[in-house]
mmCIF file of all heavy atoms, coordinates in Angstrom:
data_MODEL
# 
_entry.id   MODEL 
# 
loop_
_atom_site.group_PDB 
_atom_site.id 
_atom_site.type_symbol 
_atom_site.label_atom_id 
_atom_site.label_alt_id 
_atom_site.label_comp_id 
_atom_site.label_asym_id 
_atom_site.label_entity_id 
_atom_site.label_seq_id 
_atom_site.pdbx_PDB_ins_code 
_atom_site.Cartn_x 
_atom_site.Cartn_y 
_atom_site.Cartn_z 
_atom_site.occupancy 
_atom_site.B_iso_or_equiv 
_atom_site.pdbx_formal_charge 
_atom_site.auth_seq_id 
_atom_site.auth_comp_id 
_atom_site.auth_asym_id 
_atom_site.auth_atom_id 
_atom_site.pdbx_PDB_model_num 
ATOM 1   N N   . LEU A 1 1  ? 18.193 144.952 114.263 1.00 0.00 ? 1  LEU A N   1 
ATOM 2   C CA  . LEU A 1 1  ? 19.165 144.455 113.298 1.00 0.00 ? 1  LEU A CA  1 
ATOM 3   C C   . LEU A 1 1  ? 20.113 143.515 114.030 1.00 0.00 ? 1  LEU A C   1 
ATOM 4   O O   . LEU A 1 1  ? 20.292 143.634 115.244 1.00 0.00 ? 1  LEU A O   1 
ATOM 5   C CB  . LEU A 1 1  ? 19.941 145.618 112.665 1.00 0.00 ? 1  LEU A CB  1 
ATOM 6   C CG  . LEU A 1 1  ? 19.102 146.597 111.849 1.00 0.00 ? 1  LEU A CG  1 
ATOM 7   C CD1 . LEU A 1 1  ? 19.910 147.843 111.512 1.00 0.00 ? 1  LEU A CD1 1 
ATOM 8   C CD2 . LEU A 1 1  ? 18.598 145.930 110.578 1.00 0.00 ? 1  LEU A CD2 1 
ATOM 9   N N   . PRO A 1 2  ? 20.760 142.599 113.315 1.00 0.00 ? 2  PRO A N   1 
ATOM 10  C CA  . PRO A 1 2  ? 21.597 141.611 113.991 1.00 0.00 ? 2  PRO A CA  1 
ATOM 11  C C   . PRO A 1 2  ? 22.844 142.187 114.674 1.00 0.00 ? 2  PRO A C   1 
ATOM 12  O O   . PRO A 1 2  ? 23.314 141.640 115.657 1.00 0.00 ? 2  PRO A O   1 
ATOM 13  C CB  . PRO A 1 2  ? 21.988 140.640 112.877 1.00 0.00 ? 2  PRO A CB  1 
ATOM 14  C CG  . PRO A 1 2  ? 21.782 141.387 111.612 1.00 0.00 ? 2  PRO A CG  1 
ATOM 15  C CD  . PRO A 1 2  ? 20.697 142.379 111.881 1.00 0.00 ? 2  PRO A CD  1 
ATOM 16  N N   . ASP A 1 3  ? 23.359 143.295 114.188 1.00 0.00 ? 3  ASP A N   1 
ATOM 17  C CA  . ASP A 1 3  ? 24.632 143.797 114.728 1.00 0.00 ? 3  ASP A CA  1 
ATOM 18  C C   . ASP A 1 3  ? 24.516 145.134 115.434 1.00 0.00 ? 3  ASP A C   1 
ATOM 19  O O   . ASP A 1 3  ? 25.305 145.462 116.291 1.00 0.00 ? 3  ASP A O   1 
ATOM 20  C CB  . ASP A 1 3  ? 25.659 143.913 113.602 1.00 0.00 ? 3  ASP A CB  1 
ATOM 21  C CG  . ASP A 1 3  ? 25.222 144.871 112.511 1.00 0.00 ? 3  ASP A CG  1 
ATOM 22  O OD1 . ASP A 1 3  ? 24.049 145.271 112.486 1.00 0.00 ? 3  ASP A OD1 1 
ATOM 23  O OD2 . ASP A 1 3  ? 26.055 145.230 111.671 1.00 0.00 ? 3  ASP A OD2 1 
ATOM 24  N N   . LEU A 1 4  ? 23.538 145.921 115.073 1.00 0.00 ? 4  LEU A N   1 
ATOM 25  C CA  . LEU A 1 4  ? 23.405 147.275 115.598 1.00 0.00 ? 4  LEU A CA  1 
ATOM 26  C C   . LEU A 1 4  ? 21.921 147.589 115.679 1.00 0.00 ? 4  LEU A C   1 
ATOM 27  O O   . LEU A 1 4  ? 21.190 147.386 114.721 1.00 0.00 ? 4  LEU A O   1 
ATOM 28  C CB  . LEU A 1 4  ? 24.102 148.266 114.653 1.00 0.00 ? 4  LEU A CB  1 
ATOM 29  C CG  . LEU A 1 4  ? 24.028 149.735 114.964 1.00 0.00 ? 4  LEU A CG  1 
ATOM 30  C CD1 . LEU A 1 4  ? 24.791 150.049 116.246 1.00 0.00 ? 4  LEU A CD1 1 
ATOM 31  C CD2 . LEU A 1 4  ? 24.634 150.538 113.825 1.00 0.00 ? 4  LEU A CD2 1 
ATOM 32  N N   . ASP A 1 5  ? 21.484 148.070 116.801 1.00 0.00 ? 5  ASP A N   1 
ATOM 33  C CA  . ASP A 1 5  ? 20.084 148.414 116.972 1.00 0.00 ? 5  ASP A CA  1 
ATOM 34  C C   . ASP A 1 5  ? 19.669 149.439 115.922 1.00 0.00 ? 5  ASP A C   1 
ATOM 35  O O   . ASP A 1 5  ? 20.349 150.455 115.732 1.00 0.00 ? 5  ASP A O   1 
ATOM 36  C CB  . ASP A 1 5  ? 19.897 148.972 118.389 1.00 0.00 ? 5  ASP A CB  1 
ATOM 37  C CG  . ASP A 1 5  ? 18.462 149.286 118.684 1.00 0.00 ? 5  ASP A CG  1 
ATOM 38  O OD1 . ASP A 1 5  ? 18.041 150.421 118.390 1.00 0.00 ? 5  ASP A OD1 1 
ATOM 39  O OD2 . ASP A 1 5  ? 17.756 148.399 119.197 1.00 0.00 ? 5  ASP A OD2 1 
ATOM 40  N N   . GLY A 1 6  ? 18.581 149.178 115.221 1.00 0.00 ? 6  GLY A N   1 
ATOM 41  C CA  . GLY A 1 6  ? 18.127 150.075 114.170 1.00 0.00 ? 6  GLY A CA  1 
ATOM 42  C C   . GLY A 1 6  ? 17.793 151.471 114.661 1.00 0.00 ? 6  GLY A C   1 
ATOM 43  O O   . GLY A 1 6  ? 17.985 152.450 113.953 1.00 0.00 ? 6  GLY A O   1 
ATOM 44  N N   . LEU A 1 7  ? 17.295 151.558 115.899 1.00 0.00 ? 7  LEU A N   1 
ATOM 45  C CA  . LEU A 1 7  ? 16.968 152.877 116.446 1.00 0.00 ? 7  LEU A CA  1 
ATOM 46  C C   . LEU A 1 7  ? 18.233 153.682 116.728 1.00 0.00 ? 7  LEU A C   1 
ATOM 47  O O   . LEU A 1 7  ? 18.253 154.896 116.546 1.00 0.00 ? 7  LEU A O   1 
ATOM 48  C CB  . LEU A 1 7  ? 16.117 152.727 117.702 1.00 0.00 ? 7  LEU A CB  1 
ATOM 49  C CG  . LEU A 1 7  ? 14.748 152.071 117.462 1.00 0.00 ? 7  LEU A CG  1 
ATOM 50  C CD1 . LEU A 1 7  ? 13.995 151.921 118.780 1.00 0.00 ? 7  LEU A CD1 1 
ATOM 51  C CD2 . LEU A 1 7  ? 13.930 152.847 116.455 1.00 0.00 ? 7  LEU A CD2 1 
ATOM 52  N N   . LYS A 1 8  ? 19.303 153.007 117.132 1.00 0.00 ? 8  LYS A N   1 
ATOM 53  C CA  . LYS A 1 8  ? 20.582 153.708 117.332 1.00 0.00 ? 8  LYS A CA  1 
ATOM 54  C C   . LYS A 1 8  ? 21.131 154.188 115.988 1.00 0.00 ? 8  LYS A C   1 
ATOM 55  O O   . LYS A 1 8  ? 21.681 155.281 115.891 1.00 0.00 ? 8  LYS A O   1 
ATOM 56  C CB  . LYS A 1 8  ? 21.584 152.805 118.029 1.00 0.00 ? 8  LYS A CB  1 
ATOM 57  C CG  . LYS A 1 8  ? 21.265 152.589 119.494 1.00 0.00 ? 8  LYS A CG  1 
ATOM 58  C CD  . LYS A 1 8  ? 22.282 151.708 120.158 1.00 0.00 ? 8  LYS A CD  1 
ATOM 59  C CE  . LYS A 1 8  ? 21.887 151.461 121.610 1.00 0.00 ? 8  LYS A CE  1 
ATOM 60  N NZ  . LYS A 1 8  ? 22.755 150.501 122.263 1.00 0.00 ? 8  LYS A NZ  1 
ATOM 61  N N   . LEU A 1 9  ? 20.983 153.359 114.977 1.00 0.00 ? 9  LEU A N   1 
ATOM 62  C CA  . LEU A 1 9  ? 21.411 153.751 113.635 1.00 0.00 ? 9  LEU A CA  1 
ATOM 63  C C   . LEU A 1 9  ? 20.634 154.984 113.176 1.00 0.00 ? 9  LEU A C   1 
ATOM 64  O O   . LEU A 1 9  ? 21.210 155.936 112.644 1.00 0.00 ? 9  LEU A O   1 
ATOM 65  C CB  . LEU A 1 9  ? 21.202 152.595 112.658 1.00 0.00 ? 9  LEU A CB  1 
ATOM 66  C CG  . LEU A 1 9  ? 21.546 152.848 111.203 1.00 0.00 ? 9  LEU A CG  1 
ATOM 67  C CD1 . LEU A 1 9  ? 23.023 153.157 111.035 1.00 0.00 ? 9  LEU A CD1 1 
ATOM 68  C CD2 . LEU A 1 9  ? 21.149 151.651 110.359 1.00 0.00 ? 9  LEU A CD2 1 
ATOM 69  N N   . LEU A 1 10 ? 19.351 154.986 113.430 1.00 0.00 ? 10 LEU A N   1 
ATOM 70  C CA  . LEU A 1 10 ? 18.519 156.125 113.058 1.00 0.00 ? 10 LEU A CA  1 
ATOM 71  C C   . LEU A 1 10 ? 18.927 157.384 113.824 1.00 0.00 ? 10 LEU A C   1 
ATOM 72  O O   . LEU A 1 10 ? 19.012 158.468 113.251 1.00 0.00 ? 10 LEU A O   1 
ATOM 73  C CB  . LEU A 1 10 ? 17.047 155.811 113.310 1.00 0.00 ? 10 LEU A CB  1 
ATOM 74  C CG  . LEU A 1 10 ? 16.055 156.908 112.979 1.00 0.00 ? 10 LEU A CG  1 
ATOM 75  C CD1 . LEU A 1 10 ? 16.134 157.288 111.509 1.00 0.00 ? 10 LEU A CD1 1 
ATOM 76  C CD2 . LEU A 1 10 ? 14.660 156.466 113.343 1.00 0.00 ? 10 LEU A CD2 1 
ATOM 77  N N   . LYS A 1 11 ? 19.203 157.253 115.115 1.00 0.00 ? 11 LYS A N   1 
ATOM 78  C CA  . LYS A 1 11 ? 19.637 158.407 115.911 1.00 0.00 ? 11 LYS A CA  1 
ATOM 79  C C   . LYS A 1 11 ? 20.938 158.987 115.365 1.00 0.00 ? 11 LYS A C   1 
ATOM 80  O O   . LYS A 1 11 ? 21.102 160.204 115.288 1.00 0.00 ? 11 LYS A O   1 
ATOM 81  C CB  . LYS A 1 11 ? 19.804 158.011 117.373 1.00 0.00 ? 11 LYS A CB  1 
ATOM 82  C CG  . LYS A 1 11 ? 18.502 157.850 118.095 1.00 0.00 ? 11 LYS A CG  1 
ATOM 83  C CD  . LYS A 1 11 ? 18.730 157.458 119.547 1.00 0.00 ? 11 LYS A CD  1 
ATOM 84  C CE  . LYS A 1 11 ? 17.410 157.184 120.234 1.00 0.00 ? 11 LYS A CE  1 
ATOM 85  N NZ  . LYS A 1 11 ? 17.585 156.768 121.627 1.00 0.00 ? 11 LYS A NZ  1 
ATOM 86  N N   . ALA A 1 12 ? 21.868 158.122 114.977 1.00 0.00 ? 12 ALA A N   1 
ATOM 87  C CA  . ALA A 1 12 ? 23.131 158.593 114.404 1.00 0.00 ? 12 ALA A CA  1 
ATOM 88  C C   . ALA A 1 12 ? 22.881 159.325 113.090 1.00 0.00 ? 12 ALA A C   1 
ATOM 89  O O   . ALA A 1 12 ? 23.475 160.372 112.825 1.00 0.00 ? 12 ALA A O   1 
ATOM 90  C CB  . ALA A 1 12 ? 24.084 157.423 114.197 1.00 0.00 ? 12 ALA A CB  1 
ATOM 91  N N   . ALA A 1 13 ? 21.993 158.790 112.281 1.00 0.00 ? 13 ALA A N   1 
ATOM 92  C CA  . ALA A 1 13 ? 21.671 159.433 111.004 1.00 0.00 ? 13 ALA A CA  1 
ATOM 93  C C   . ALA A 1 13 ? 21.041 160.801 111.241 1.00 0.00 ? 13 ALA A C   1 
ATOM 94  O O   . ALA A 1 13 ? 21.323 161.760 110.526 1.00 0.00 ? 13 ALA A O   1 
ATOM 95  C CB  . ALA A 1 13 ? 20.729 158.544 110.196 1.00 0.00 ? 13 ALA A CB  1 
ATOM 96  N N   . ARG A 1 14 ? 20.207 160.906 112.257 1.00 0.00 ? 14 ARG A N   1 
ATOM 97  C CA  . ARG A 1 14 ? 19.538 162.174 112.570 1.00 0.00 ? 14 ARG A CA  1 
ATOM 98  C C   . ARG A 1 14 ? 20.524 163.238 113.046 1.00 0.00 ? 14 ARG A C   1 
ATOM 99  O O   . ARG A 1 14 ? 20.307 164.412 112.831 1.00 0.00 ? 14 ARG A O   1 
ATOM 100 C CB  . ARG A 1 14 ? 18.459 161.974 113.630 1.00 0.00 ? 14 ARG A CB  1 
ATOM 101 C CG  . ARG A 1 14 ? 17.303 161.147 113.180 1.00 0.00 ? 14 ARG A CG  1 
ATOM 102 C CD  . ARG A 1 14 ? 16.443 161.929 112.236 1.00 0.00 ? 14 ARG A CD  1 
ATOM 103 N NE  . ARG A 1 14 ? 15.331 161.102 111.810 1.00 0.00 ? 14 ARG A NE  1 
ATOM 104 C CZ  . ARG A 1 14 ? 14.174 161.561 111.469 1.00 0.00 ? 14 ARG A CZ  1 
ATOM 105 N NH1 . ARG A 1 14 ? 13.944 162.837 111.493 1.00 0.00 ? 14 ARG A NH1 1 
ATOM 106 N NH2 . ARG A 1 14 ? 13.239 160.757 111.078 1.00 0.00 ? 14 ARG A NH2 1 
ATOM 107 N N   . VAL A 1 15 ? 21.593 162.818 113.707 1.00 0.00 ? 15 VAL A N   1 
ATOM 108 C CA  . VAL A 1 15 ? 22.618 163.776 114.139 1.00 0.00 ? 15 VAL A CA  1 
ATOM 109 C C   . VAL A 1 15 ? 23.318 164.361 112.916 1.00 0.00 ? 15 VAL A C   1 
ATOM 110 O O   . VAL A 1 15 ? 23.548 165.563 112.829 1.00 0.00 ? 15 VAL A O   1 
ATOM 111 C CB  . VAL A 1 15 ? 23.634 163.107 115.088 1.00 0.00 ? 15 VAL A CB  1 
ATOM 112 C CG1 . VAL A 1 15 ? 24.838 163.995 115.316 1.00 0.00 ? 15 VAL A CG1 1 
ATOM 113 C CG2 . VAL A 1 15 ? 22.968 162.765 116.417 1.00 0.00 ? 15 VAL A CG2 1 
ATOM 114 N N   . LEU A 1 16 ? 23.634 163.503 111.958 1.00 0.00 ? 16 LEU A N   1 
ATOM 115 C CA  . LEU A 1 16 ? 24.329 163.942 110.752 1.00 0.00 ? 16 LEU A CA  1 
ATOM 116 C C   . LEU A 1 16 ? 23.411 164.693 109.795 1.00 0.00 ? 16 LEU A C   1 
ATOM 117 O O   . LEU A 1 16 ? 23.838 165.612 109.104 1.00 0.00 ? 16 LEU A O   1 
ATOM 118 C CB  . LEU A 1 16 ? 24.946 162.737 110.037 1.00 0.00 ? 16 LEU A CB  1 
ATOM 119 C CG  . LEU A 1 16 ? 26.023 161.983 110.823 1.00 0.00 ? 16 LEU A CG  1 
ATOM 120 C CD1 . LEU A 1 16 ? 26.405 160.705 110.092 1.00 0.00 ? 16 LEU A CD1 1 
ATOM 121 C CD2 . LEU A 1 16 ? 27.232 162.860 111.037 1.00 0.00 ? 16 LEU A CD2 1 
ATOM 122 N N   . HIS A 1 17 ? 22.146 164.271 109.737 1.00 0.00 ? 17 HIS A N   1 
ATOM 123 C CA  . HIS A 1 17 ? 21.173 164.847 108.800 1.00 0.00 ? 17 HIS A CA  1 
ATOM 124 C C   . HIS A 1 17 ? 19.843 165.035 109.526 1.00 0.00 ? 17 HIS A C   1 
ATOM 125 O O   . HIS A 1 17 ? 18.940 164.207 109.399 1.00 0.00 ? 17 HIS A O   1 
ATOM 126 C CB  . HIS A 1 17 ? 21.002 163.940 107.582 1.00 0.00 ? 17 HIS A CB  1 
ATOM 127 C CG  . HIS A 1 17 ? 22.282 163.678 106.868 1.00 0.00 ? 17 HIS A CG  1 
ATOM 128 N ND1 . HIS A 1 17 ? 22.843 164.598 106.009 1.00 0.00 ? 17 HIS A ND1 1 
ATOM 129 C CD2 . HIS A 1 17 ? 23.140 162.640 106.908 1.00 0.00 ? 17 HIS A CD2 1 
ATOM 130 C CE1 . HIS A 1 17 ? 23.980 164.110 105.548 1.00 0.00 ? 17 HIS A CE1 1 
ATOM 131 N NE2 . HIS A 1 17 ? 24.180 162.934 106.085 1.00 0.00 ? 17 HIS A NE2 1 
ATOM 132 N N   . PRO A 1 18 ? 19.706 166.131 110.288 1.00 0.00 ? 18 PRO A N   1 
ATOM 133 C CA  . PRO A 1 18 ? 18.536 166.326 111.154 1.00 0.00 ? 18 PRO A CA  1 
ATOM 134 C C   . PRO A 1 18 ? 17.168 166.245 110.473 1.00 0.00 ? 18 PRO A C   1 
ATOM 135 O O   . PRO A 1 18 ? 16.220 165.781 111.066 1.00 0.00 ? 18 PRO A O   1 
ATOM 136 C CB  . PRO A 1 18 ? 18.757 167.721 111.739 1.00 0.00 ? 18 PRO A CB  1 
ATOM 137 C CG  . PRO A 1 18 ? 20.202 167.991 111.589 1.00 0.00 ? 18 PRO A CG  1 
ATOM 138 C CD  . PRO A 1 18 ? 20.661 167.230 110.392 1.00 0.00 ? 18 PRO A CD  1 
ATOM 139 N N   . GLY A 1 19 ? 17.043 166.658 109.255 1.00 0.00 ? 19 GLY A N   1 
ATOM 140 C CA  . GLY A 1 19 ? 15.738 166.656 108.595 1.00 0.00 ? 19 GLY A CA  1 
ATOM 141 C C   . GLY A 1 19 ? 15.453 165.420 107.765 1.00 0.00 ? 19 GLY A C   1 
ATOM 142 O O   . GLY A 1 19 ? 14.472 165.389 107.018 1.00 0.00 ? 19 GLY A O   1 
ATOM 143 N N   . LEU A 1 20 ? 16.272 164.412 107.875 1.00 0.00 ? 20 LEU A N   1 
ATOM 144 C CA  . LEU A 1 20 ? 16.142 163.221 107.038 1.00 0.00 ? 20 LEU A CA  1 
ATOM 145 C C   . LEU A 1 20 ? 14.828 162.489 107.299 1.00 0.00 ? 20 LEU A C   1 
ATOM 146 O O   . LEU A 1 20 ? 14.564 162.077 108.426 1.00 0.00 ? 20 LEU A O   1 
ATOM 147 C CB  . LEU A 1 20 ? 17.302 162.259 107.298 1.00 0.00 ? 20 LEU A CB  1 
ATOM 148 C CG  . LEU A 1 20 ? 17.295 160.986 106.472 1.00 0.00 ? 20 LEU A CG  1 
ATOM 149 C CD1 . LEU A 1 20 ? 17.735 161.303 105.042 1.00 0.00 ? 20 LEU A CD1 1 
ATOM 150 C CD2 . LEU A 1 20 ? 18.224 159.953 107.073 1.00 0.00 ? 20 LEU A CD2 1 
ATOM 151 N N   . PRO A 1 21 ? 13.986 162.317 106.281 1.00 0.00 ? 21 PRO A N   1 
ATOM 152 C CA  . PRO A 1 21 ? 12.774 161.516 106.464 1.00 0.00 ? 21 PRO A CA  1 
ATOM 153 C C   . PRO A 1 21 ? 13.159 160.056 106.693 1.00 0.00 ? 21 PRO A C   1 
ATOM 154 O O   . PRO A 1 21 ? 14.044 159.521 106.019 1.00 0.00 ? 21 PRO A O   1 
ATOM 155 C CB  . PRO A 1 21 ? 12.028 161.668 105.132 1.00 0.00 ? 21 PRO A CB  1 
ATOM 156 C CG  . PRO A 1 21 ? 12.634 162.853 104.469 1.00 0.00 ? 21 PRO A CG  1 
ATOM 157 C CD  . PRO A 1 21 ? 14.059 162.918 104.956 1.00 0.00 ? 21 PRO A CD  1 
ATOM 158 N N   . ALA A 1 22 ? 12.499 159.426 107.652 1.00 0.00 ? 22 ALA A N   1 
ATOM 159 C CA  . ALA A 1 22 ? 12.824 158.040 107.967 1.00 0.00 ? 22 ALA A CA  1 
ATOM 160 C C   . ALA A 1 22 ? 11.580 157.284 108.404 1.00 0.00 ? 22 ALA A C   1 
ATOM 161 O O   . ALA A 1 22 ? 10.656 157.857 108.982 1.00 0.00 ? 22 ALA A O   1 
ATOM 162 C CB  . ALA A 1 22 ? 13.880 157.982 109.069 1.00 0.00 ? 22 ALA A CB  1 
ATOM 163 N N   . VAL A 1 23 ? 11.592 155.985 108.117 1.00 0.00 ? 23 VAL A N   1 
ATOM 164 C CA  . VAL A 1 23 ? 10.533 155.084 108.533 1.00 0.00 ? 23 VAL A CA  1 
ATOM 165 C C   . VAL A 1 23 ? 11.207 153.933 109.259 1.00 0.00 ? 23 VAL A C   1 
ATOM 166 O O   . VAL A 1 23 ? 12.195 153.362 108.774 1.00 0.00 ? 23 VAL A O   1 
ATOM 167 C CB  . VAL A 1 23 ? 9.738  154.544 107.319 1.00 0.00 ? 23 VAL A CB  1 
ATOM 168 C CG1 . VAL A 1 23 ? 8.727  153.499 107.750 1.00 0.00 ? 23 VAL A CG1 1 
ATOM 169 C CG2 . VAL A 1 23 ? 9.068  155.676 106.574 1.00 0.00 ? 23 VAL A CG2 1 
ATOM 170 N N   . VAL A 1 24 ? 10.678 153.586 110.428 1.00 0.00 ? 24 VAL A N   1 
ATOM 171 C CA  . VAL A 1 24 ? 11.169 152.442 111.184 1.00 0.00 ? 24 VAL A CA  1 
ATOM 172 C C   . VAL A 1 24 ? 10.155 151.321 111.028 1.00 0.00 ? 24 VAL A C   1 
ATOM 173 O O   . VAL A 1 24 ? 8.953  151.531 111.229 1.00 0.00 ? 24 VAL A O   1 
ATOM 174 C CB  . VAL A 1 24 ? 11.357 152.781 112.680 1.00 0.00 ? 24 VAL A CB  1 
ATOM 175 C CG1 . VAL A 1 24 ? 11.809 151.555 113.459 1.00 0.00 ? 24 VAL A CG1 1 
ATOM 176 C CG2 . VAL A 1 24 ? 12.355 153.919 112.847 1.00 0.00 ? 24 VAL A CG2 1 
ATOM 177 N N   . ILE A 1 25 ? 10.639 150.146 110.656 1.00 0.00 ? 25 ILE A N   1 
ATOM 178 C CA  . ILE A 1 25 ? 9.750  148.999 110.489 1.00 0.00 ? 25 ILE A CA  1 
ATOM 179 C C   . ILE A 1 25 ? 10.125 147.919 111.493 1.00 0.00 ? 25 ILE A C   1 
ATOM 180 O O   . ILE A 1 25 ? 11.263 147.837 111.951 1.00 0.00 ? 25 ILE A O   1 
ATOM 181 C CB  . ILE A 1 25 ? 9.803  148.443 109.044 1.00 0.00 ? 25 ILE A CB  1 
ATOM 182 C CG1 . ILE A 1 25 ? 11.222 148.040 108.643 1.00 0.00 ? 25 ILE A CG1 1 
ATOM 183 C CG2 . ILE A 1 25 ? 9.243  149.464 108.065 1.00 0.00 ? 25 ILE A CG2 1 
ATOM 184 C CD1 . ILE A 1 25 ? 11.319 147.377 107.278 1.00 0.00 ? 25 ILE A CD1 1 
# 
């Protein structure tokens, strides 16, 4: 992503919501 690495965003989301289904493209 232009401002924040998408994988870092996903890691943050996983901390808040551990079971969240996610797809990285």
